[in-house]
């Protein structure tokens, strides 16, 4: 259930996995709903959680600890 947001944002045909793309390059970050745990990979959290209908203020950023990838 929680992976649905990752697939919708990145798509199944994406060449790079989310772990290979830094949030600095895409402007997107992982966020989760503090009410139901729904996860999204977007620039901004949704206005309303599609699962539990919690407001956008209930979304928190997930720190992956990956940092910025050097080239």
Protein backbone atom coordinates (compact mmCIF):
# COMPACT_ATOMS: atom_id res chain seq x y z
CA UNK A 1 0.00 0.00 0.00
CA UNK A 2 2.73 2.47 0.89
CA UNK A 3 4.76 1.82 -2.27
CA UNK A 4 1.93 3.12 -4.44
CA UNK A 5 3.13 6.72 -4.03
CA UNK A 6 6.68 5.86 -5.09
CA UNK A 7 5.52 4.09 -8.23
CA UNK A 8 3.13 6.89 -9.16
CA UNK A 9 5.81 9.55 -8.86
CA UNK A 10 8.76 7.73 -10.41
CA UNK A 11 6.92 5.41 -12.74
CA UNK A 12 7.78 1.79 -13.36
CA UNK A 13 9.66 2.66 -16.56
CA UNK A 14 12.11 4.96 -14.77
CA UNK A 15 15.75 4.32 -15.76
CA UNK A 16 17.15 5.15 -12.31
CA UNK A 17 15.87 3.91 -8.99
CA UNK A 18 14.95 6.49 -6.32
CA UNK A 19 18.10 5.56 -4.38
CA UNK A 20 20.29 6.57 -7.37
CA UNK A 21 18.69 9.99 -7.84
CA UNK A 22 19.42 12.63 -5.23
CA UNK A 23 16.65 14.94 -4.09
CA UNK A 24 18.87 17.93 -4.95
CA UNK A 25 18.93 16.91 -8.63
CA UNK A 26 15.18 16.35 -8.91
CA UNK A 27 13.85 18.79 -6.34
CA UNK A 28 11.78 15.94 -4.90
CA UNK A 29 11.93 14.47 -1.43
CA UNK A 30 10.46 11.43 0.26
CA UNK A 31 7.58 12.35 2.55
CA UNK A 32 5.22 10.25 4.63
CA UNK A 33 1.81 10.80 6.16
CA UNK A 34 2.12 10.78 9.95
CA UNK A 35 -1.44 9.46 10.24
CA UNK A 36 -1.45 6.41 7.94
CA UNK A 37 2.16 6.04 6.71
CA UNK A 38 1.49 6.73 3.00
CA UNK A 39 4.79 7.59 1.23
CA UNK A 40 5.27 9.98 -1.73
CA UNK A 41 8.33 11.17 -3.71
CA UNK A 42 7.38 14.68 -4.83
CA UNK A 43 8.45 18.32 -4.71
CA UNK A 44 5.57 19.21 -2.37
CA UNK A 45 3.33 17.00 -0.25
CA UNK A 46 -0.21 16.49 -1.55
CA UNK A 47 -2.89 18.84 -0.23
CA UNK A 48 -4.76 15.85 1.16
CA UNK A 49 -3.52 12.31 1.78
CA UNK A 50 -5.19 10.04 -0.80
CA UNK A 51 -5.47 7.22 1.76
CA UNK A 52 -6.70 8.78 5.02
CA UNK A 53 -7.58 12.35 3.90
CA UNK A 54 -5.19 13.99 6.40
CA UNK A 55 -4.16 17.58 5.59
CA UNK A 56 -0.79 18.35 3.98
CA UNK A 57 0.57 19.57 7.31
CA UNK A 58 0.56 15.94 8.47
CA UNK A 59 3.28 14.97 5.95
CA UNK A 60 6.87 14.84 7.20
CA UNK A 61 10.10 14.56 5.24
CA UNK A 62 12.03 11.28 5.35
CA UNK A 63 15.77 11.70 5.83
CA UNK A 64 17.40 9.01 3.68
CA UNK A 65 20.93 9.92 4.75
CA UNK A 66 22.16 9.52 1.17
CA UNK A 67 23.47 13.07 0.84
CA UNK A 68 24.49 14.65 -2.47
CA UNK A 69 26.02 12.41 -5.11
CA UNK A 70 29.33 13.70 -6.44
CA UNK A 71 30.08 13.51 -10.18
